[in-house]
Amino acid sequence: LTKIATASVVLDWAERKSGDLNQVVTIPQAAFVGTTENNIGFQPGDSITLRDLLYAALVQSDNIAAYTLAHHVGSQLGSLVASDVSSKMSPVDAFVTQMNALAKQLKMERTRFVNPHGIDWKVKPLPYSTAEDMARLTRYAMNKASFRFYVSQKERQISFNRAGHQFNYMLRNTNELLGKMGIDGVKTGTSARSGQCLILYANRESEVVRQGQMETVYPRHLMVVLLGSTNRFGEGTALLQRGWQLYDQWAAAGRLADPKKML
């Protein structure tokens, strides 16, 4: 789930600094340190666009892609990170600093990011977060049309170059519930400490309520955040169904909202 923050920082940078997501970057050797998975088959020195790296990180949760994004964008952050601090940091450390700055901005008070991919095995200091904080982050990310598009893709072909030869790879979304029950995002996660994790975002057709001549339209969205599961898709399905039941009860009771319970 860390990669939601990684993608958010990249997309913020692209928006604020007019960053080109079609820019081709090189995958560094350091991207392979600490990760044992390489399903796509990347190698150090491969060249690929930032856009395809985003797809790889969000659709197939690729760690090498997430690190490469941080490595490049971290060197470009400029004024987003204080110059006296960033000058002493590696690009990836500068990027992670921005991830934590975003967490602070979103009032994610019980979250710490330590890397761009979320690997928590043999890592110090340890990363941590909560379901509530992840909900805050996901709400922020899902407000971006580009992010919503990335995480809604069941499949996506990407390409990368190696020594003058182009390689194509078809990404498969790790979210098995995508496209079911109105689910159009967002992401799975798995790590040594957190176990199976899942964030779902589902939509229903907007509800129209008429009172006399007045007509009010209520968009209907529901988010499920699941951490430390042993059956994330089964539990995610059950929580989503229960969530809609509670939503319907809340709507029928007049849509009263307690500010203390609002994110």
C-alpha atoms as a PDB file:
ATOM      1  CA  LEU A   1       0.000   0.000   0.000  1.00  0.00           C
ATOM      2  CA  THR A   2       3.064   2.230   0.349  1.00  0.00           C
ATOM      3  CA  LYS A   3       3.050   2.544  -3.431  1.00  0.00           C
ATOM      4  CA  ILE A   4      -0.141   4.629  -3.213  1.00  0.00           C
ATOM      5  CA  ALA A   5       1.964   7.299  -1.509  1.00  0.00           C
ATOM      6  CA  THR A   6       4.769   6.765  -4.020  1.00  0.00           C
ATOM      7  CA  ALA A   7       2.422   7.283  -6.961  1.00  0.00           C
ATOM      8  CA  SER A   8       0.815  10.304  -5.282  1.00  0.00           C
ATOM      9  CA  VAL A   9       4.174  12.040  -4.869  1.00  0.00           C
ATOM     10  CA  VAL A  10       5.081  11.294  -8.497  1.00  0.00           C
ATOM     11  CA  LEU A  11       1.761  12.629  -9.792  1.00  0.00           C
ATOM     12  CA  ASP A  12       1.999  15.719  -7.562  1.00  0.00           C
ATOM     13  CA  TRP A  13       5.491  16.370  -8.922  1.00  0.00           C
ATOM     14  CA  ALA A  14       4.296  15.945 -12.511  1.00  0.00           C
ATOM     15  CA  GLU A  15       1.464  18.404 -11.894  1.00  0.00           C
ATOM     16  CA  ARG A  16       3.386  21.054  -9.966  1.00  0.00           C
ATOM     17  CA  LYS A  17       6.657  20.879 -11.875  1.00  0.00           C
ATOM     18  CA  SER A  18       5.242  20.050 -15.312  1.00  0.00           C
ATOM     19  CA  GLY A  19       7.042  16.731 -15.141  1.00  0.00           C
ATOM     20  CA  ASP A  20       6.793  14.596 -18.266  1.00  0.00           C
ATOM     21  CA  LEU A  21       5.527  11.100 -17.491  1.00  0.00           C
ATOM     22  CA  ASN A  22       6.572  10.025 -20.990  1.00  0.00           C
ATOM     23  CA  GLN A  23      10.183  10.730 -20.090  1.00  0.00           C
ATOM     24  CA  VAL A  24      12.429   7.685 -20.427  1.00  0.00           C
ATOM     25  CA  VAL A  25      14.556   6.840 -17.386  1.00  0.00           C
ATOM     26  CA  THR A  26      17.092   4.154 -16.551  1.00  0.00           C
ATOM     27  CA  ILE A  27      16.512   1.479 -13.930  1.00  0.00           C
ATOM     28  CA  PRO A  28      19.383   1.713 -11.406  1.00  0.00           C
ATOM     29  CA  GLN A  29      21.272  -1.183  -9.857  1.00  0.00           C
ATOM     30  CA  ALA A  30      20.110  -0.075  -6.406  1.00  0.00           C
ATOM     31  CA  ALA A  31      16.498  -0.851  -7.366  1.00  0.00           C
ATOM     32  CA  PHE A  32      17.242  -4.564  -7.022  1.00  0.00           C
ATOM     33  CA  VAL A  33      18.620  -4.397  -3.483  1.00  0.00           C
ATOM     34  CA  GLY A  34      16.322  -5.913  -0.857  1.00  0.00           C
ATOM     35  CA  THR A  35      13.713  -7.303  -3.242  1.00  0.00           C
ATOM     36  CA  THR A  36      13.503 -10.967  -4.194  1.00  0.00           C
ATOM     37  CA  GLU A  37      10.695 -10.611  -6.746  1.00  0.00           C
ATOM     38  CA  ASN A  38      11.225  -9.575 -10.341  1.00  0.00           C
ATOM     39  CA  ASN A  39       8.269 -10.973 -12.261  1.00  0.00           C
ATOM     40  CA  ILE A  40       8.599  -8.474 -15.086  1.00  0.00           C
ATOM     41  CA  GLY A  41      12.232  -9.397 -15.657  1.00  0.00           C
ATOM     42  CA  PHE A  42      13.813  -5.963 -15.347  1.00  0.00           C
ATOM     43  CA  GLN A  43      17.594  -5.647 -15.410  1.00  0.00           C
ATOM     44  CA  PRO A  44      19.836  -2.761 -14.324  1.00  0.00           C
ATOM     45  CA  GLY A  45      20.248  -0.340 -17.195  1.00  0.00           C
ATOM     46  CA  ASP A  46      16.862  -1.027 -18.778  1.00  0.00           C
ATOM     47  CA  SER A  47      15.129   2.134 -20.001  1.00  0.00           C
ATOM     48  CA  ILE A  48      11.415   2.755 -19.540  1.00  0.00           C
ATOM     49  CA  THR A  49       8.971   5.659 -19.310  1.00  0.00           C
ATOM     50  CA  LEU A  50       7.815   7.028 -15.984  1.00  0.00           C
ATOM     51  CA  ARG A  51       4.252   6.293 -17.067  1.00  0.00           C
ATOM     52  CA  ASP A  52       4.952   2.595 -17.571  1.00  0.00           C
ATOM     53  CA  LEU A  53       6.748   2.514 -14.221  1.00  0.00           C
ATOM     54  CA  LEU A  54       3.583   3.885 -12.608  1.00  0.00           C
ATOM     55  CA  TYR A  55       1.532   1.168 -14.256  1.00  0.00           C
ATOM     56  CA  ALA A  56       3.991  -1.489 -13.081  1.00  0.00           C
ATOM     57  CA  ALA A  57       3.973  -0.166  -9.509  1.00  0.00           C
ATOM     58  CA  LEU A  58       0.205   0.260  -9.219  1.00  0.00           C
ATOM     59  CA  VAL A  59      -1.198  -2.551 -11.364  1.00  0.00           C
ATOM     60  CA  GLN A  60       1.274  -5.324 -10.537  1.00  0.00           C
ATOM     61  CA  SER A  61       2.802  -3.790  -7.387  1.00  0.00           C
ATOM     62  CA  ASP A  62       6.341  -3.997  -8.747  1.00  0.00           C
ATOM     63  CA  ASN A  63       9.011  -2.981  -6.233  1.00  0.00           C
ATOM     64  CA  ILE A  64      11.709  -2.245  -8.811  1.00  0.00           C
ATOM     65  CA  ALA A  65       9.375   0.143 -10.606  1.00  0.00           C
ATOM     66  CA  ALA A  66       8.518   1.951  -7.362  1.00  0.00           C
ATOM     67  CA  TYR A  67      12.194   2.391  -6.480  1.00  0.00           C
ATOM     68  CA  THR A  68      13.051   3.651  -9.959  1.00  0.00           C
ATOM     69  CA  LEU A  69      10.269   6.226  -9.773  1.00  0.00           C
ATOM     70  CA  ALA A  70      11.603   7.460  -6.448  1.00  0.00           C
ATOM     71  CA  HIS A  71      15.191   7.503  -7.718  1.00  0.00           C
ATOM     72  CA  HIS A  72      14.331   9.715 -10.675  1.00  0.00           C
ATOM     73  CA  VAL A  73      11.680  11.988  -9.186  1.00  0.00           C
ATOM     74  CA  GLY A  74      13.660  12.350  -5.957  1.00  0.00           C
ATOM     75  CA  SER A  75      16.442  14.004  -7.944  1.00  0.00           C
ATOM     76  CA  GLN A  76      13.909  16.409  -9.487  1.00  0.00           C
ATOM     77  CA  LEU A  77      11.917  17.493  -6.442  1.00  0.00           C
ATOM     78  CA  GLY A  78      13.834  20.735  -6.005  1.00  0.00           C
ATOM     79  CA  SER A  79      11.868  23.242  -3.950  1.00  0.00           C
ATOM     80  CA  LEU A  80       9.454  20.595  -2.693  1.00  0.00           C
ATOM     81  CA  VAL A  81      12.203  19.521  -0.287  1.00  0.00           C
ATOM     82  CA  ALA A  82      14.230  22.077   1.679  1.00  0.00           C
ATOM     83  CA  SER A  83      17.546  22.653  -0.112  1.00  0.00           C
ATOM     84  CA  ASP A  84      19.649  22.395   3.058  1.00  0.00           C
ATOM     85  CA  VAL A  85      18.108  18.978   3.673  1.00  0.00           C
ATOM     86  CA  SER A  86      17.909  17.604   0.144  1.00  0.00           C
ATOM     87  CA  SER A  87      21.550  18.439  -0.587  1.00  0.00           C
ATOM     88  CA  LYS A  88      22.587  15.870   2.037  1.00  0.00           C
ATOM     89  CA  MET A  89      20.201  13.170   0.846  1.00  0.00           C
ATOM     90  CA  SER A  90      20.173  10.579  -1.860  1.00  0.00           C
ATOM     91  CA  PRO A  91      17.382  11.032  -4.426  1.00  0.00           C
ATOM     92  CA  VAL A  92      15.409   8.168  -2.879  1.00  0.00           C
ATOM     93  CA  ASP A  93      15.764   9.585   0.639  1.00  0.00           C
ATOM     94  CA  ALA A  94      14.578  12.975  -0.628  1.00  0.00           C
ATOM     95  CA  PHE A  95      11.601  11.255  -2.217  1.00  0.00           C
ATOM     96  CA  VAL A  96      10.710   9.404   0.992  1.00  0.00           C
ATOM     97  CA  THR A  97      10.947  12.715   2.852  1.00  0.00           C
ATOM     98  CA  GLN A  98       8.284  14.039   0.506  1.00  0.00           C
ATOM     99  CA  MET A  99       6.153  10.933   1.109  1.00  0.00           C
ATOM    100  CA  ASN A 100       6.234  11.663   4.835  1.00  0.00           C
ATOM    101  CA  ALA A 101       5.525  15.349   4.194  1.00  0.00           C
ATOM    102  CA  LEU A 102       2.422  14.288   2.291  1.00  0.00           C
ATOM    103  CA  ALA A 103       1.419  12.035   5.188  1.00  0.00           C
ATOM    104  CA  LYS A 104       1.748  14.982   7.569  1.00  0.00           C
ATOM    105  CA  GLN A 105      -0.298  17.182   5.224  1.00  0.00           C
ATOM    106  CA  LEU A 106      -3.060  14.565   5.214  1.00  0.00           C
ATOM    107  CA  LYS A 107      -2.957  14.268   9.033  1.00  0.00           C
ATOM    108  CA  MET A 108      -1.746  10.677   8.867  1.00  0.00           C
ATOM    109  CA  GLU A 109      -0.451  10.936  12.413  1.00  0.00           C
ATOM    110  CA  ARG A 110       0.364   7.241  12.858  1.00  0.00           C
ATOM    111  CA  THR A 111       2.270   6.623   9.651  1.00  0.00           C
ATOM    112  CA  ARG A 112       5.941   6.501   8.746  1.00  0.00           C
ATOM    113  CA  PHE A 113       7.297   5.657   5.315  1.00  0.00           C
ATOM    114  CA  VAL A 114      10.910   4.505   5.061  1.00  0.00           C
ATOM    115  CA  ASN A 115      11.137   3.498   1.394  1.00  0.00           C
ATOM    116  CA  PRO A 116       9.097   3.810  -1.815  1.00  0.00           C
ATOM    117  CA  HIS A 117       8.015   0.172  -2.139  1.00  0.00           C
ATOM    118  CA  GLY A 118       6.929  -0.849   1.366  1.00  0.00           C
ATOM    119  CA  ILE A 119       9.394  -3.688   1.912  1.00  0.00           C
ATOM    120  CA  ASP A 120       9.631  -4.093   5.699  1.00  0.00           C
ATOM    121  CA  TRP A 121      11.959  -7.087   6.018  1.00  0.00           C
ATOM    122  CA  LYS A 122      15.291  -6.233   7.663  1.00  0.00           C
ATOM    123  CA  VAL A 123      14.476  -2.521   7.475  1.00  0.00           C
ATOM    124  CA  LYS A 124      15.317   0.058  10.141  1.00  0.00           C
ATOM    125  CA  PRO A 125      13.594   2.206  11.191  1.00  0.00           C
ATOM    126  CA  LEU A 126      10.427   0.208  10.699  1.00  0.00           C
ATOM    127  CA  PRO A 127       7.558   1.607   8.636  1.00  0.00           C
ATOM    128  CA  TYR A 128       4.081   1.688  10.144  1.00  0.00           C
ATOM    129  CA  SER A 129       0.568   2.899   9.443  1.00  0.00           C
ATOM    130  CA  THR A 130      -3.093   2.333  10.299  1.00  0.00           C
ATOM    131  CA  ALA A 131      -6.264   1.601   8.356  1.00  0.00           C
ATOM    132  CA  GLU A 132      -7.536   5.111   9.057  1.00  0.00           C
ATOM    133  CA  ASP A 133      -4.349   6.713   7.774  1.00  0.00           C
ATOM    134  CA  MET A 134      -4.388   4.560   4.653  1.00  0.00           C
ATOM    135  CA  ALA A 135      -7.979   5.669   4.063  1.00  0.00           C
ATOM    136  CA  ARG A 136      -6.870   9.298   4.226  1.00  0.00           C
ATOM    137  CA  LEU A 137      -4.099   8.631   1.721  1.00  0.00           C
ATOM    138  CA  THR A 138      -6.361   6.698  -0.642  1.00  0.00           C
ATOM    139  CA  ARG A 139      -9.026   9.387  -0.598  1.00  0.00           C
ATOM    140  CA  TYR A 140      -6.358  11.909  -1.605  1.00  0.00           C
ATOM    141  CA  ALA A 141      -5.022   9.679  -4.376  1.00  0.00           C
ATOM    142  CA  MET A 142      -8.454   8.801  -5.758  1.00  0.00           C
ATOM    143  CA  ASN A 143      -9.215  12.489  -6.209  1.00  0.00           C
ATOM    144  CA  LYS A 144      -6.721  12.399  -9.090  1.00  0.00           C
ATOM    145  CA  ALA A 145      -8.243  11.224 -12.369  1.00  0.00           C
ATOM    146  CA  SER A 146      -4.893   9.834 -13.509  1.00  0.00           C
ATOM    147  CA  PHE A 147      -4.486   7.724 -10.372  1.00  0.00           C
ATOM    148  CA  ARG A 148      -8.039   6.405 -10.678  1.00  0.00           C
ATOM    149  CA  PHE A 149      -7.286   5.337 -14.239  1.00  0.00           C
ATOM    150  CA  TYR A 150      -4.066   3.515 -13.327  1.00  0.00           C
ATOM    151  CA  VAL A 151      -5.632   1.464 -10.548  1.00  0.00           C
ATOM    152  CA  SER A 152      -8.729   0.606 -12.586  1.00  0.00           C
ATOM    153  CA  GLN A 153      -6.776  -1.316 -15.229  1.00  0.00           C
ATOM    154  CA  LYS A 154      -7.141  -5.101 -15.125  1.00  0.00           C
ATOM    155  CA  GLU A 155      -4.347  -5.471 -17.660  1.00  0.00           C
ATOM    156  CA  ARG A 156      -1.834  -3.134 -19.223  1.00  0.00           C
ATOM    157  CA  GLN A 157       0.995  -3.714 -21.654  1.00  0.00           C
ATOM    158  CA  ILE A 158       4.219  -1.878 -20.926  1.00  0.00           C
ATOM    159  CA  SER A 159       7.478  -1.815 -22.833  1.00  0.00           C
ATOM    160  CA  PHE A 160      11.106  -1.263 -21.932  1.00  0.00           C
ATOM    161  CA  ASN A 161      14.378  -1.238 -23.822  1.00  0.00           C
ATOM    162  CA  ARG A 162      17.551  -3.178 -23.204  1.00  0.00           C
ATOM    163  CA  ALA A 163      20.643  -2.660 -25.326  1.00  0.00           C
ATOM    164  CA  GLY A 164      18.579  -1.438 -28.258  1.00  0.00           C
ATOM    165  CA  HIS A 165      15.962  -4.176 -28.077  1.00  0.00           C
ATOM    166  CA  GLN A 166      12.355  -3.558 -27.026  1.00  0.00           C
ATOM    167  CA  PHE A 167      10.638  -5.913 -24.605  1.00  0.00           C
ATOM    168  CA  ASN A 168       6.892  -5.954 -23.993  1.00  0.00           C
ATOM    169  CA  TYR A 169       5.198  -7.214 -20.858  1.00  0.00           C
ATOM    170  CA  MET A 170       1.499  -7.599 -20.040  1.00  0.00           C
ATOM    171  CA  LEU A 171       0.783  -6.502 -16.476  1.00  0.00           C
ATOM    172  CA  ARG A 172      -1.983  -8.309 -14.572  1.00  0.00           C
ATOM    173  CA  ASN A 173      -3.702  -6.461 -11.756  1.00  0.00           C
ATOM    174  CA  THR A 174      -3.123  -8.078  -8.366  1.00  0.00           C
ATOM    175  CA  ASN A 175      -6.591  -6.965  -7.204  1.00  0.00           C
ATOM    176  CA  GLU A 176      -8.762 -10.003  -7.996  1.00  0.00           C
ATOM    177  CA  LEU A 177     -11.950  -8.108  -7.100  1.00  0.00           C
ATOM    178  CA  LEU A 178     -11.435  -5.355  -9.651  1.00  0.00           C
ATOM    179  CA  GLY A 179     -14.523  -4.954 -11.833  1.00  0.00           C
ATOM    180  CA  LYS A 180     -16.783  -6.855  -9.439  1.00  0.00           C
ATOM    181  CA  MET A 181     -19.446  -5.312  -7.163  1.00  0.00           C
ATOM    182  CA  GLY A 182     -18.710  -1.853  -8.541  1.00  0.00           C
ATOM    183  CA  ILE A 183     -15.044  -2.031  -7.496  1.00  0.00           C
ATOM    184  CA  ASP A 184     -12.764   0.159  -9.614  1.00  0.00           C
ATOM    185  CA  GLY A 185      -9.636   0.223  -7.427  1.00  0.00           C
ATOM    186  CA  VAL A 186      -7.393   0.493  -5.641  1.00  0.00           C
ATOM    187  CA  LYS A 187      -4.566  -1.843  -4.549  1.00  0.00           C
ATOM    188  CA  THR A 188      -3.236  -4.934  -2.822  1.00  0.00           C
ATOM    189  CA  GLY A 189      -0.203  -5.144  -0.566  1.00  0.00           C
ATOM    190  CA  THR A 190       1.798  -7.890   1.081  1.00  0.00           C
ATOM    191  CA  SER A 191       4.797  -7.719   3.378  1.00  0.00           C
ATOM    192  CA  ALA A 192       6.557  -9.746   6.035  1.00  0.00           C
ATOM    193  CA  ARG A 193       5.136  -7.733   8.936  1.00  0.00           C
ATOM    194  CA  SER A 194       1.737  -6.602   7.670  1.00  0.00           C
ATOM    195  CA  GLY A 195       0.598  -9.790   5.949  1.00  0.00           C
ATOM    196  CA  GLN A 196      -2.078  -9.536   3.274  1.00  0.00           C
ATOM    197  CA  CYS A 197      -3.495  -6.042   2.805  1.00  0.00           C
ATOM    198  CA  LEU A 198      -6.161  -4.672   0.507  1.00  0.00           C
ATOM    199  CA  ILE A 199      -7.844  -1.367  -0.226  1.00  0.00           C
ATOM    200  CA  LEU A 200     -11.055  -1.434  -2.238  1.00  0.00           C
ATOM    201  CA  TYR A 201     -12.957   1.487  -3.703  1.00  0.00           C
ATOM    202  CA  ALA A 202     -16.480   0.824  -4.933  1.00  0.00           C
ATOM    203  CA  ASN A 203     -19.167   2.924  -6.561  1.00  0.00           C
ATOM    204  CA  ARG A 204     -22.915   2.757  -6.895  1.00  0.00           C
ATOM    205  CA  GLU A 205     -25.133   4.832  -9.133  1.00  0.00           C
ATOM    206  CA  SER A 206     -25.723   8.247  -7.584  1.00  0.00           C
ATOM    207  CA  GLU A 207     -28.869   8.551  -5.500  1.00  0.00           C
ATOM    208  CA  VAL A 208     -31.340  11.294  -6.383  1.00  0.00           C
ATOM    209  CA  VAL A 209     -33.520  12.583  -3.534  1.00  0.00           C
ATOM    210  CA  ARG A 210     -36.438  14.864  -4.359  1.00  0.00           C
ATOM    211  CA  GLN A 211     -38.074  17.150  -1.819  1.00  0.00           C
ATOM    212  CA  GLY A 212     -40.764  19.258  -3.423  1.00  0.00           C
ATOM    213  CA  GLN A 213     -39.103  21.247  -6.201  1.00  0.00           C
ATOM    214  CA  MET A 214     -35.630  20.520  -4.822  1.00  0.00           C
ATOM    215  CA  GLU A 215     -33.502  17.701  -6.154  1.00  0.00           C
ATOM    216  CA  THR A 216     -30.307  16.546  -4.444  1.00  0.00           C
ATOM    217  CA  VAL A 217     -27.823  14.136  -5.990  1.00  0.00           C
ATOM    218  CA  TYR A 218     -25.724  12.006  -3.634  1.00  0.00           C
ATOM    219  CA  PRO A 219     -22.698  10.247  -5.162  1.00  0.00           C
ATOM    220  CA  ARG A 220     -22.206   6.857  -3.534  1.00  0.00           C
ATOM    221  CA  HIS A 221     -18.661   5.671  -2.903  1.00  0.00           C
ATOM    222  CA  LEU A 222     -17.381   3.167  -0.368  1.00  0.00           C
ATOM    223  CA  MET A 223     -13.832   2.369   0.685  1.00  0.00           C
ATOM    224  CA  VAL A 224     -12.606  -0.730   2.504  1.00  0.00           C
ATOM    225  CA  VAL A 225      -9.151  -0.854   4.097  1.00  0.00           C
ATOM    226  CA  LEU A 226      -7.966  -4.267   5.222  1.00  0.00           C
ATOM    227  CA  LEU A 227      -4.628  -4.840   6.978  1.00  0.00           C
ATOM    228  CA  GLY A 228      -3.068  -8.040   8.313  1.00  0.00           C
ATOM    229  CA  SER A 229      -5.527 -10.391   6.656  1.00  0.00           C
ATOM    230  CA  THR A 230      -5.151 -14.088   5.900  1.00  0.00           C
ATOM    231  CA  ASN A 231      -7.947 -14.005   3.293  1.00  0.00           C
ATOM    232  CA  ARG A 232      -8.036 -10.473   1.950  1.00  0.00           C
ATOM    233  CA  PHE A 233     -10.381 -11.031  -0.986  1.00  0.00           C
ATOM    234  CA  GLY A 234     -12.915 -13.021   1.031  1.00  0.00           C
ATOM    235  CA  GLU A 235     -12.820 -10.598   3.938  1.00  0.00           C
ATOM    236  CA  GLY A 236     -12.792  -7.618   1.585  1.00  0.00           C
ATOM    237  CA  THR A 237     -15.946  -8.869  -0.122  1.00  0.00           C
ATOM    238  CA  ALA A 238     -17.703  -9.374   3.218  1.00  0.00           C
ATOM    239  CA  LEU A 239     -16.674  -5.945   4.501  1.00  0.00           C
ATOM    240  CA  LEU A 240     -17.839  -4.259   1.314  1.00  0.00           C
ATOM    241  CA  GLN A 241     -21.244  -5.931   1.533  1.00  0.00           C
ATOM    242  CA  ARG A 242     -21.543  -4.973   5.185  1.00  0.00           C
ATOM    243  CA  GLY A 243     -20.429  -1.444   4.392  1.00  0.00           C
ATOM    244  CA  TRP A 244     -23.206  -0.947   1.857  1.00  0.00           C
ATOM    245  CA  GLN A 245     -25.738  -2.284   4.363  1.00  0.00           C
ATOM    246  CA  LEU A 246     -24.565   0.281   6.901  1.00  0.00           C
ATOM    247  CA  TYR A 247     -24.570   2.987   4.249  1.00  0.00           C
ATOM    248  CA  ASP A 248     -28.195   2.238   3.349  1.00  0.00           C
ATOM    249  CA  GLN A 249     -29.175   2.333   7.028  1.00  0.00           C
ATOM    250  CA  TRP A 250     -27.360   5.645   7.471  1.00  0.00           C
ATOM    251  CA  ALA A 251     -29.017   7.149   4.389  1.00  0.00           C
ATOM    252  CA  ALA A 252     -32.464   5.972   5.523  1.00  0.00           C
ATOM    253  CA  ALA A 253     -31.888   7.568   8.935  1.00  0.00           C
ATOM    254  CA  GLY A 254     -31.287  11.001   7.405  1.00  0.00           C
ATOM    255  CA  ARG A 255     -27.542  10.982   6.633  1.00  0.00           C
ATOM    256  CA  LEU A 256     -26.532  12.361  10.010  1.00  0.00           C
ATOM    257  CA  ALA A 257     -22.763  12.804  10.307  1.00  0.00           C
ATOM    258  CA  ASP A 258     -20.624  13.031  13.427  1.00  0.00           C
ATOM    259  CA  PRO A 259     -17.712  15.417  12.702  1.00  0.00           C
ATOM    260  CA  LYS A 260     -15.568  13.463  15.177  1.00  0.00           C
ATOM    261  CA  LYS A 261     -15.874  10.362  13.003  1.00  0.00           C
ATOM    262  CA  MET A 262     -15.113  12.083   9.703  1.00  0.00           C
ATOM    263  CA  LEU A 263     -11.682  11.800   8.103  1.00  0.00           C
END
